Amino acid sequence: MTEIEPGRTAPGAPATGPGEPEPTQPASSEPAPIPTLPPDPAAYDHPRAVRAREKGLQAPYIAGGNDPDPAAGLAEDRRYVRLLLGMAIAIVASGFIIGTVIALIGPAGGR
């Protein structure tokens, strides 16, 4: 009698484990067909669809879209840029301050 490696089944044995139901459908390699939707005439004339066709795109999706209030978005971006610059300057300045303090205390610091 030959031993069977763990995780393998003996020839002629069912592919399922004890208490598991047998598969009812064989696994197919083809994906299920995607249903196609009928064309929407109102969406054809939508500004996004017109711009997508002008750019040669097949779908009316343009990343980014239309911002209803670009001024507010730009103001928020400016605020975050100022905050980012302030934090970078604070980190660099604190490094100089800490370095200066260590340099001044350095020779006498171990006593």
N, C-alpha and C. Protein backbone atom coordinates (compact mmCIF):
# COMPACT_ATOMS: atom_id res chain seq x y z
N MET A 1 0.85 -1.17 0.00
CA MET A 1 0.00 0.00 0.00
C MET A 1 0.90 1.23 0.00
N THR A 2 0.56 2.22 -0.86
CA THR A 2 1.37 3.43 -0.95
C THR A 2 0.77 4.52 -0.08
N GLU A 3 1.64 5.35 0.43
CA GLU A 3 1.16 6.47 1.25
C GLU A 3 0.74 7.62 0.36
N ILE A 4 -0.25 8.38 0.81
CA ILE A 4 -0.74 9.56 0.08
C ILE A 4 -0.26 10.79 0.81
N GLU A 5 0.29 11.73 0.04
CA GLU A 5 0.78 12.97 0.64
C GLU A 5 -0.38 13.75 1.25
N PRO A 6 -0.13 14.49 2.33
CA PRO A 6 -1.20 15.30 2.92
C PRO A 6 -1.70 16.34 1.90
N GLY A 7 -2.99 16.53 1.86
CA GLY A 7 -3.59 17.51 0.94
C GLY A 7 -3.95 16.91 -0.41
N ARG A 8 -3.59 15.65 -0.65
CA ARG A 8 -3.91 15.00 -1.92
C ARG A 8 -4.93 13.91 -1.66
N THR A 9 -5.65 13.53 -2.70
CA THR A 9 -6.65 12.48 -2.56
C THR A 9 -6.18 11.23 -3.29
N ALA A 10 -6.68 10.13 -2.87
CA ALA A 10 -6.34 8.86 -3.51
C ALA A 10 -7.05 8.78 -4.85
N PRO A 11 -6.48 8.05 -5.81
CA PRO A 11 -7.15 7.90 -7.10
C PRO A 11 -8.50 7.24 -6.93
N GLY A 12 -9.51 7.83 -7.56
CA GLY A 12 -10.86 7.30 -7.47
C GLY A 12 -11.65 7.80 -6.28
N ALA A 13 -11.01 8.53 -5.37
CA ALA A 13 -11.70 9.05 -4.19
C ALA A 13 -12.44 10.33 -4.58
N PRO A 14 -13.53 10.65 -3.89
CA PRO A 14 -14.24 11.90 -4.22
C PRO A 14 -13.36 13.11 -3.93
N ALA A 15 -13.53 14.18 -4.72
CA ALA A 15 -12.70 15.38 -4.59
C ALA A 15 -13.08 16.21 -3.38
N THR A 16 -14.24 15.96 -2.80
CA THR A 16 -14.66 16.75 -1.65
C THR A 16 -14.34 16.00 -0.37
N GLY A 17 -14.27 16.76 0.71
CA GLY A 17 -13.98 16.17 2.00
C GLY A 17 -15.22 15.53 2.59
N PRO A 18 -15.07 14.90 3.74
CA PRO A 18 -16.23 14.26 4.36
C PRO A 18 -17.25 15.31 4.80
N GLY A 19 -18.49 15.10 4.46
CA GLY A 19 -19.56 16.00 4.86
C GLY A 19 -19.74 17.19 3.93
N GLU A 20 -18.89 17.32 2.91
CA GLU A 20 -19.04 18.42 1.96
C GLU A 20 -19.88 17.96 0.78
N PRO A 21 -20.76 18.83 0.29
CA PRO A 21 -21.57 18.42 -0.86
C PRO A 21 -20.73 18.36 -2.13
N GLU A 22 -21.14 17.51 -3.04
CA GLU A 22 -20.45 17.39 -4.33
C GLU A 22 -20.76 18.64 -5.16
N PRO A 23 -19.81 19.11 -5.96
CA PRO A 23 -20.10 20.28 -6.79
C PRO A 23 -21.17 19.96 -7.82
N THR A 24 -22.08 20.91 -8.03
CA THR A 24 -23.17 20.68 -8.98
C THR A 24 -22.85 21.18 -10.37
N GLN A 25 -21.97 22.18 -10.49
CA GLN A 25 -21.61 22.71 -11.79
C GLN A 25 -20.11 22.60 -11.98
N PRO A 26 -19.69 22.21 -13.17
CA PRO A 26 -18.25 22.20 -13.39
C PRO A 26 -17.73 23.63 -13.50
N ALA A 27 -16.52 23.83 -13.07
CA ALA A 27 -15.92 25.17 -13.15
C ALA A 27 -15.64 25.50 -14.61
N SER A 28 -16.03 26.69 -15.02
CA SER A 28 -15.78 27.08 -16.41
C SER A 28 -14.71 28.16 -16.43
N SER A 29 -13.94 28.18 -17.50
CA SER A 29 -12.88 29.17 -17.61
C SER A 29 -13.39 30.47 -18.22
N GLU A 30 -14.59 30.48 -18.75
CA GLU A 30 -15.14 31.69 -19.37
C GLU A 30 -15.89 32.52 -18.32
N PRO A 31 -15.68 33.82 -18.30
CA PRO A 31 -16.45 34.66 -17.37
C PRO A 31 -17.89 34.79 -17.85
N ALA A 32 -18.76 35.11 -16.92
CA ALA A 32 -20.16 35.29 -17.28
C ALA A 32 -20.29 36.50 -18.21
N PRO A 33 -21.15 36.43 -19.21
CA PRO A 33 -21.28 37.57 -20.13
C PRO A 33 -21.84 38.79 -19.42
N ILE A 34 -21.31 39.95 -19.75
CA ILE A 34 -21.75 41.20 -19.15
C ILE A 34 -22.90 41.75 -19.99
N PRO A 35 -24.05 42.00 -19.37
CA PRO A 35 -25.17 42.52 -20.16
C PRO A 35 -24.86 43.94 -20.64
N THR A 36 -25.19 44.20 -21.87
CA THR A 36 -24.97 45.54 -22.42
C THR A 36 -26.24 46.38 -22.25
N LEU A 37 -26.04 47.63 -21.94
CA LEU A 37 -27.17 48.54 -21.76
C LEU A 37 -27.48 49.25 -23.08
N PRO A 38 -28.72 49.58 -23.29
CA PRO A 38 -29.04 50.33 -24.51
C PRO A 38 -28.46 51.74 -24.43
N PRO A 39 -28.17 52.36 -25.58
CA PRO A 39 -27.62 53.72 -25.56
C PRO A 39 -28.61 54.72 -24.98
N ASP A 40 -28.08 55.71 -24.28
CA ASP A 40 -28.90 56.76 -23.66
C ASP A 40 -28.72 58.04 -24.47
N PRO A 41 -29.74 58.47 -25.23
CA PRO A 41 -29.58 59.67 -26.06
C PRO A 41 -29.31 60.93 -25.24
N ALA A 42 -29.84 61.02 -24.03
CA ALA A 42 -29.64 62.22 -23.22
C ALA A 42 -28.19 62.29 -22.74
N ALA A 43 -27.60 61.15 -22.44
CA ALA A 43 -26.21 61.12 -21.97
C ALA A 43 -25.24 61.40 -23.11
N TYR A 44 -25.65 61.15 -24.36
CA TYR A 44 -24.78 61.38 -25.50
C TYR A 44 -24.45 62.87 -25.64
N ASP A 45 -25.40 63.73 -25.33
CA ASP A 45 -25.21 65.17 -25.47
C ASP A 45 -24.69 65.83 -24.20
N HIS A 46 -24.44 65.07 -23.17
CA HIS A 46 -23.93 65.63 -21.93
C HIS A 46 -22.55 66.23 -22.18
N PRO A 47 -22.22 67.37 -21.55
CA PRO A 47 -20.92 68.03 -21.82
C PRO A 47 -19.72 67.12 -21.59
N ARG A 48 -19.77 66.27 -20.59
CA ARG A 48 -18.65 65.37 -20.34
C ARG A 48 -18.47 64.38 -21.49
N ALA A 49 -19.59 63.88 -22.02
CA ALA A 49 -19.52 62.94 -23.13
C ALA A 49 -18.99 63.63 -24.39
N VAL A 50 -19.40 64.88 -24.61
CA VAL A 50 -18.93 65.62 -25.78
C VAL A 50 -17.42 65.83 -25.68
N ARG A 51 -16.93 66.23 -24.51
CA ARG A 51 -15.49 66.44 -24.34
C ARG A 51 -14.71 65.14 -24.47
N ALA A 52 -15.30 64.04 -23.98
CA ALA A 52 -14.62 62.75 -24.10
C ALA A 52 -14.50 62.35 -25.56
N ARG A 53 -15.56 62.55 -26.35
CA ARG A 53 -15.49 62.24 -27.78
C ARG A 53 -14.48 63.12 -28.49
N GLU A 54 -14.39 64.39 -28.09
CA GLU A 54 -13.41 65.29 -28.70
C GLU A 54 -11.98 64.82 -28.43
N LYS A 55 -11.77 64.22 -27.26
CA LYS A 55 -10.45 63.72 -26.90
C LYS A 55 -10.19 62.32 -27.46
N GLY A 56 -11.19 61.72 -28.08
CA GLY A 56 -11.03 60.40 -28.66
C GLY A 56 -11.23 59.27 -27.67
N LEU A 57 -11.83 59.56 -26.52
CA LEU A 57 -12.08 58.52 -25.52
C LEU A 57 -13.33 57.74 -25.87
N GLN A 58 -13.38 56.50 -25.42
CA GLN A 58 -14.55 55.67 -25.71
C GLN A 58 -15.67 55.86 -24.69
N ALA A 59 -15.32 56.34 -23.52
CA ALA A 59 -16.32 56.51 -22.46
C ALA A 59 -16.33 57.96 -22.00
N PRO A 60 -17.46 58.43 -21.49
CA PRO A 60 -17.53 59.83 -21.07
C PRO A 60 -16.93 60.12 -19.72
N TYR A 61 -16.12 59.21 -19.19
CA TYR A 61 -15.50 59.46 -17.89
C TYR A 61 -14.21 60.23 -18.09
N ILE A 62 -14.13 61.39 -17.51
CA ILE A 62 -12.92 62.19 -17.51
C ILE A 62 -12.54 62.39 -16.06
N ALA A 63 -11.37 61.92 -15.70
CA ALA A 63 -10.95 61.98 -14.30
C ALA A 63 -10.94 63.43 -13.82
N GLY A 64 -11.51 63.65 -12.67
CA GLY A 64 -11.54 65.00 -12.11
C GLY A 64 -12.90 65.63 -12.23
N GLY A 65 -13.49 65.56 -13.38
CA GLY A 65 -14.83 66.10 -13.57
C GLY A 65 -14.89 67.60 -13.46
N ASN A 66 -16.07 68.11 -13.21
CA ASN A 66 -16.32 69.54 -13.07
C ASN A 66 -16.38 69.91 -11.60
N ASP A 67 -15.54 70.83 -11.17
CA ASP A 67 -15.57 71.29 -9.79
C ASP A 67 -16.61 72.40 -9.70
N PRO A 68 -17.63 72.25 -8.86
CA PRO A 68 -18.67 73.27 -8.80
C PRO A 68 -18.16 74.59 -8.22
N ASP A 69 -17.13 74.56 -7.38
CA ASP A 69 -16.60 75.79 -6.79
C ASP A 69 -15.08 75.71 -6.75
N PRO A 70 -14.40 76.00 -7.87
CA PRO A 70 -12.94 75.87 -7.88
C PRO A 70 -12.23 76.86 -6.97
N ALA A 71 -12.82 78.01 -6.70
CA ALA A 71 -12.17 79.00 -5.84
C ALA A 71 -11.98 78.46 -4.42
N ALA A 72 -12.96 77.77 -3.91
CA ALA A 72 -12.85 77.21 -2.56
C ALA A 72 -11.77 76.13 -2.51
N GLY A 73 -11.69 75.30 -3.54
CA GLY A 73 -10.67 74.27 -3.59
C GLY A 73 -9.27 74.85 -3.67
N LEU A 74 -9.11 75.91 -4.48
CA LEU A 74 -7.80 76.56 -4.59
C LEU A 74 -7.40 77.24 -3.29
N ALA A 75 -8.37 77.84 -2.59
CA ALA A 75 -8.08 78.48 -1.30
C ALA A 75 -7.63 77.43 -0.28
N GLU A 76 -8.28 76.28 -0.29
CA GLU A 76 -7.89 75.21 0.64
C GLU A 76 -6.49 74.71 0.29
N ASP A 77 -6.19 74.58 -1.01
CA ASP A 77 -4.86 74.15 -1.42
C ASP A 77 -3.79 75.14 -0.96
N ARG A 78 -4.06 76.44 -1.09
CA ARG A 78 -3.10 77.45 -0.66
C ARG A 78 -2.86 77.36 0.84
N ARG A 79 -3.92 77.13 1.60
CA ARG A 79 -3.79 77.01 3.06
C ARG A 79 -2.92 75.82 3.43
N TYR A 80 -3.13 74.69 2.76
CA TYR A 80 -2.33 73.50 3.05
C TYR A 80 -0.87 73.67 2.62
N VAL A 81 -0.62 74.41 1.54
CA VAL A 81 0.76 74.68 1.12
C VAL A 81 1.47 75.53 2.16
N ARG A 82 0.79 76.56 2.67
CA ARG A 82 1.38 77.39 3.73
C ARG A 82 1.66 76.57 4.98
N LEU A 83 0.74 75.69 5.35
CA LEU A 83 0.93 74.83 6.51
C LEU A 83 2.12 73.89 6.28
N LEU A 84 2.23 73.32 5.10
CA LEU A 84 3.34 72.43 4.79
C LEU A 84 4.68 73.16 4.86
N LEU A 85 4.74 74.34 4.28
CA LEU A 85 5.97 75.13 4.33
C LEU A 85 6.32 75.51 5.77
N GLY A 86 5.33 75.91 6.55
CA GLY A 86 5.56 76.27 7.96
C GLY A 86 6.11 75.09 8.74
N MET A 87 5.57 73.89 8.52
CA MET A 87 6.06 72.72 9.24
C MET A 87 7.49 72.38 8.81
N ALA A 88 7.78 72.48 7.52
CA ALA A 88 9.15 72.19 7.05
C ALA A 88 10.14 73.19 7.64
N ILE A 89 9.79 74.46 7.66
CA ILE A 89 10.67 75.48 8.24
C ILE A 89 10.86 75.23 9.73
N ALA A 90 9.79 74.86 10.42
CA ALA A 90 9.89 74.59 11.87
C ALA A 90 10.80 73.40 12.14
N ILE A 91 10.72 72.36 11.32
CA ILE A 91 11.57 71.18 11.53
C ILE A 91 13.04 71.54 11.31
N VAL A 92 13.34 72.27 10.23
CA VAL A 92 14.73 72.65 9.94
C VAL A 92 15.25 73.59 11.02
N ALA A 93 14.45 74.58 11.41
CA ALA A 93 14.88 75.53 12.43
C ALA A 93 15.10 74.84 13.77
N SER A 94 14.25 73.90 14.14
CA SER A 94 14.43 73.20 15.41
C SER A 94 15.72 72.37 15.38
N GLY A 95 16.09 71.84 14.22
CA GLY A 95 17.35 71.12 14.10
C GLY A 95 18.53 72.03 14.36
N PHE A 96 18.49 73.25 13.81
CA PHE A 96 19.57 74.21 14.06
C PHE A 96 19.62 74.61 15.53
N ILE A 97 18.47 74.84 16.12
CA ILE A 97 18.43 75.24 17.54
C ILE A 97 18.97 74.12 18.42
N ILE A 98 18.51 72.90 18.20
CA ILE A 98 18.99 71.78 19.01
C ILE A 98 20.49 71.56 18.79
N GLY A 99 20.95 71.70 17.55
CA GLY A 99 22.38 71.55 17.26
C GLY A 99 23.21 72.60 17.95
N THR A 100 22.71 73.84 17.97
CA THR A 100 23.43 74.93 18.64
C THR A 100 23.49 74.69 20.14
N VAL A 101 22.38 74.28 20.74
CA VAL A 101 22.36 74.01 22.17
C VAL A 101 23.31 72.88 22.52
N ILE A 102 23.34 71.83 21.73
CA ILE A 102 24.24 70.70 22.00
C ILE A 102 25.69 71.14 21.83
N ALA A 103 25.95 72.00 20.83
CA ALA A 103 27.33 72.47 20.61
C ALA A 103 27.80 73.35 21.76
N LEU A 104 26.90 74.16 22.33
CA LEU A 104 27.28 75.02 23.45
C LEU A 104 27.45 74.23 24.74
N ILE A 105 26.62 73.24 24.96
CA ILE A 105 26.68 72.47 26.20
C ILE A 105 27.64 71.30 26.05
N GLY A 106 27.96 70.89 24.87
CA GLY A 106 28.74 69.69 24.59
C GLY A 106 29.95 69.45 25.45
N PRO A 107 30.96 70.36 25.48
CA PRO A 107 32.18 70.06 26.25
C PRO A 107 31.90 69.95 27.75
N ALA A 108 30.98 70.73 28.28
CA ALA A 108 30.72 70.71 29.72
C ALA A 108 29.56 69.80 30.07
N GLY A 109 28.92 69.21 29.11
CA GLY A 109 27.70 68.43 29.36
C GLY A 109 27.95 67.14 30.12
N GLY A 110 29.16 66.53 30.00
CA GLY A 110 29.42 65.25 30.65
C GLY A 110 29.87 65.37 32.08
N ARG A 111 30.07 66.57 32.60
CA ARG A 111 30.61 66.72 33.96
C ARG A 111 29.57 66.85 34.99
